[in-house]
N, C-alpha and C. Protein backbone atom coordinates (compact mmCIF):
# COMPACT_ATOMS: atom_id res chain seq x y z
N UNK A 1 -95.65 138.40 -0.06
CA UNK A 1 -97.23 138.67 0.03
C UNK A 1 -98.05 137.38 -0.53
N UNK A 2 -97.35 136.55 -1.67
CA UNK A 2 -98.38 135.53 -2.42
C UNK A 2 -98.21 134.68 -1.30
N UNK A 3 -97.48 134.52 -0.65
CA UNK A 3 -97.29 133.07 0.33
C UNK A 3 -98.33 133.17 1.24
N UNK A 4 -98.55 134.70 1.69
CA UNK A 4 -99.40 135.31 2.78
C UNK A 4 -100.68 135.00 2.64
N UNK A 5 -101.49 135.38 1.22
CA UNK A 5 -102.35 134.87 0.39
C UNK A 5 -102.77 133.90 0.21
N UNK A 6 -101.87 132.99 0.17
CA UNK A 6 -102.00 131.47 -0.13
C UNK A 6 -102.58 130.90 1.01
N UNK A 7 -101.84 130.95 2.41
CA UNK A 7 -101.77 130.43 3.67
C UNK A 7 -103.42 131.03 4.38
N UNK A 8 -103.69 133.14 3.99
CA UNK A 8 -105.38 132.76 4.49
C UNK A 8 -106.01 132.35 3.43
N UNK A 9 -105.95 132.21 2.44
CA UNK A 9 -107.10 130.92 1.50
C UNK A 9 -107.30 130.03 2.05
N UNK A 10 -106.22 129.45 2.36
CA UNK A 10 -105.86 127.88 3.02
C UNK A 10 -106.74 127.92 4.16
N UNK A 11 -106.76 128.61 4.93
CA UNK A 11 -107.13 128.82 6.08
C UNK A 11 -108.80 128.94 6.17
N UNK A 12 -108.80 129.99 5.11
CA UNK A 12 -110.43 130.08 5.03
C UNK A 12 -110.87 129.03 4.30
N UNK A 13 -110.41 128.71 3.65
CA UNK A 13 -111.32 127.26 2.89
C UNK A 13 -111.07 126.26 3.81
N UNK A 14 -110.07 126.05 4.85
CA UNK A 14 -110.48 124.34 6.01
C UNK A 14 -111.54 125.13 6.72
N UNK A 15 -111.94 126.07 7.41
CA UNK A 15 -112.78 126.89 8.10
C UNK A 15 -114.13 126.21 7.18
N UNK A 16 -114.24 126.97 6.42
CA UNK A 16 -115.80 126.64 5.22
C UNK A 16 -115.58 125.14 5.36
N UNK A 17 -114.73 124.51 5.29
CA UNK A 17 -114.93 122.84 4.79
C UNK A 17 -115.69 122.50 6.52
N UNK A 18 -115.18 122.70 7.20
CA UNK A 18 -115.15 122.34 8.91
C UNK A 18 -116.40 122.79 9.36
N UNK A 19 -116.56 123.82 8.67
CA UNK A 19 -118.33 124.14 9.31
C UNK A 19 -119.62 123.60 8.51
N UNK A 20 -119.10 123.06 6.92
CA UNK A 20 -120.07 122.59 6.31
C UNK A 20 -120.28 120.61 6.67
N UNK A 21 -119.06 120.78 7.04
CA UNK A 21 -119.12 118.89 7.46
C UNK A 21 -119.96 119.19 9.17
N UNK A 22 -119.39 119.96 9.80
CA UNK A 22 -120.55 120.03 11.16
C UNK A 22 -121.63 120.10 10.92
N UNK A 23 -122.19 121.02 10.00
CA UNK A 23 -123.46 121.17 9.43
C UNK A 23 -124.40 119.95 8.95
N UNK A 24 -123.47 119.06 8.00
CA UNK A 24 -124.05 118.17 7.49
C UNK A 24 -124.26 116.99 9.00
N UNK A 25 -122.88 116.80 9.82
CA UNK A 25 -122.91 115.84 10.56
C UNK A 25 -124.50 116.30 11.78
N UNK A 26 -125.09 117.77 12.01
CA UNK A 26 -125.94 117.54 12.36
C UNK A 26 -127.23 117.13 11.78
N UNK A 27 -127.34 117.37 10.09
CA UNK A 27 -128.43 117.24 9.81
C UNK A 27 -128.31 115.46 9.92
N UNK A 28 -127.68 114.68 9.30
CA UNK A 28 -127.61 113.37 9.29
C UNK A 28 -128.21 112.72 10.65
N UNK A 29 -128.28 113.66 11.73
CA UNK A 29 -128.09 113.12 12.92
C UNK A 29 -129.67 113.46 13.62
N UNK A 30 -130.70 114.12 12.07
CA UNK A 30 -131.90 114.67 12.60
C UNK A 30 -132.62 113.40 12.87
N UNK A 31 -133.62 113.28 13.35
CA UNK A 31 -134.81 112.10 12.73
C UNK A 31 -135.34 112.21 11.61
N UNK A 32 -135.93 110.85 11.02
CA UNK A 32 -136.39 111.04 9.69
C UNK A 32 -137.53 111.49 9.54
N UNK A 33 -137.99 111.59 10.29
CA UNK A 33 -139.84 112.26 10.43
C UNK A 33 -139.98 113.58 10.54
N UNK A 34 -138.36 114.30 11.24
CA UNK A 34 -138.69 115.55 11.39
C UNK A 34 -138.03 116.11 9.65
N UNK A 35 -137.31 115.59 9.62
CA UNK A 35 -136.93 115.93 8.00
C UNK A 35 -137.92 116.01 6.85
N UNK A 36 -138.70 115.01 7.00
CA UNK A 36 -139.68 114.59 5.82
C UNK A 36 -140.67 115.75 6.25
N UNK A 37 -141.09 115.75 7.55
CA UNK A 37 -141.92 117.31 7.97
C UNK A 37 -141.59 118.32 7.05
N UNK A 38 -140.22 118.41 7.50
CA UNK A 38 -140.02 120.02 6.90
C UNK A 38 -139.74 120.16 5.63
N UNK A 39 -139.66 119.00 4.79
CA UNK A 39 -139.32 119.01 3.25
C UNK A 39 -141.11 119.34 2.63
N UNK A 40 -142.12 119.03 3.83
CA UNK A 40 -143.34 119.06 3.17
C UNK A 40 -143.88 120.17 3.68
N UNK A 41 -143.62 120.41 4.64
CA UNK A 41 -143.70 122.28 5.23
C UNK A 41 -143.12 123.30 3.87
N UNK A 42 -142.24 122.90 3.71
CA UNK A 42 -141.32 123.58 2.31
C UNK A 42 -142.19 124.01 0.98
N UNK A 43 -142.69 122.80 0.94
CA UNK A 43 -143.31 122.37 -0.42
C UNK A 43 -144.89 122.85 -0.51
N UNK A 44 -145.46 122.80 1.01
CA UNK A 44 -146.50 123.68 1.31
C UNK A 44 -146.63 124.70 1.22
N UNK A 45 -145.76 125.89 1.82
CA UNK A 45 -145.28 127.04 1.60
C UNK A 45 -144.94 127.60 0.27
N UNK A 46 -144.50 126.97 -0.51
CA UNK A 46 -144.10 127.07 -1.76
C UNK A 46 -145.21 126.91 -2.93
N UNK A 47 -146.30 126.02 -2.70
CA UNK A 47 -147.53 125.96 -3.38
C UNK A 47 -148.71 126.84 -2.90
N UNK A 48 -148.68 127.34 -1.66
CA UNK A 48 -149.64 128.32 -1.37
C UNK A 48 -149.33 129.88 -1.45
N UNK A 49 -150.98 130.29 -1.02
CA UNK A 49 -150.95 132.24 -0.85
C UNK A 49 -150.70 132.27 -2.26
N UNK A 50 -149.19 133.62 -2.61
CA UNK A 50 -149.49 134.10 -3.89
C UNK A 50 -148.83 133.19 -4.90
N UNK A 51 -148.10 131.97 -4.30
CA UNK A 51 -148.12 130.64 -5.66
C UNK A 51 -149.08 129.83 -5.68
N UNK A 52 -150.18 129.75 -5.40
CA UNK A 52 -151.50 128.82 -5.34
C UNK A 52 -151.61 128.46 -6.88
N UNK A 53 -150.62 128.94 -7.82
CA UNK A 53 -151.50 128.67 -9.47
C UNK A 53 -149.96 127.58 -9.80
N UNK A 54 -149.44 127.38 -8.56
CA UNK A 54 -148.32 127.05 -9.04
C UNK A 54 -148.74 125.19 -9.59
N UNK A 55 -147.98 124.37 -10.36
CA UNK A 55 -148.65 123.05 -10.60
C UNK A 55 -147.15 122.34 -9.82
N UNK A 56 -147.72 121.31 -8.96
CA UNK A 56 -146.68 121.17 -8.08
C UNK A 56 -145.76 120.17 -8.51
N UNK A 57 -146.35 119.44 -9.62
CA UNK A 57 -144.93 118.37 -10.07
C UNK A 57 -144.07 119.60 -10.87
N UNK A 58 -144.39 120.54 -11.24
CA UNK A 58 -143.27 121.37 -11.86
C UNK A 58 -142.66 121.97 -10.99
N UNK A 59 -142.90 122.18 -9.72
CA UNK A 59 -141.93 122.43 -8.83
C UNK A 59 -140.77 122.43 -8.68
N UNK A 60 -139.70 123.00 -8.85
CA UNK A 60 -138.33 122.80 -8.66
C UNK A 60 -137.89 123.19 -7.15
N UNK A 61 -137.21 121.89 -6.73
CA UNK A 61 -136.74 122.31 -5.12
C UNK A 61 -135.97 123.57 -4.59
N UNK A 62 -135.13 123.92 -5.29
CA UNK A 62 -134.04 125.46 -5.15
C UNK A 62 -135.55 126.70 -5.64
N UNK A 63 -136.42 126.14 -6.39
CA UNK A 63 -137.46 127.09 -6.52
C UNK A 63 -138.33 127.13 -4.87
N UNK A 64 -138.78 126.08 -4.26
CA UNK A 64 -139.38 126.03 -3.45
C UNK A 64 -138.40 126.82 -2.50
N UNK A 65 -137.20 126.09 -2.29
CA UNK A 65 -136.21 127.20 -1.13
C UNK A 65 -136.29 128.78 -1.13
N UNK A 66 -136.22 128.91 -2.77
CA UNK A 66 -136.26 130.43 -2.91
C UNK A 66 -137.47 130.77 -2.10
N UNK A 67 -138.58 130.48 -2.64
CA UNK A 67 -139.88 130.87 -2.23
C UNK A 67 -139.65 131.10 -0.28
N UNK A 68 -139.46 130.12 0.74
CA UNK A 68 -139.41 130.09 1.73
C UNK A 68 -138.09 131.17 2.15
N UNK A 69 -137.52 131.34 1.53
CA UNK A 69 -136.37 132.67 2.02
C UNK A 69 -136.85 134.05 1.95
């Protein structure tokens, strides 16, 4: 049973790694202007509305992503 669990973990890890590599390939293929616009859009969303009191230089990127989601 230990061998089966190890094999199952290996398959899951490989699937996860492959999907991550596919997403990274897509991200690197996007036009730079589009990526820049998306980053500005996330930053604008994270500093408006209920977050309008946010000081922009103090905003962490991870916090901006959490606010977007």
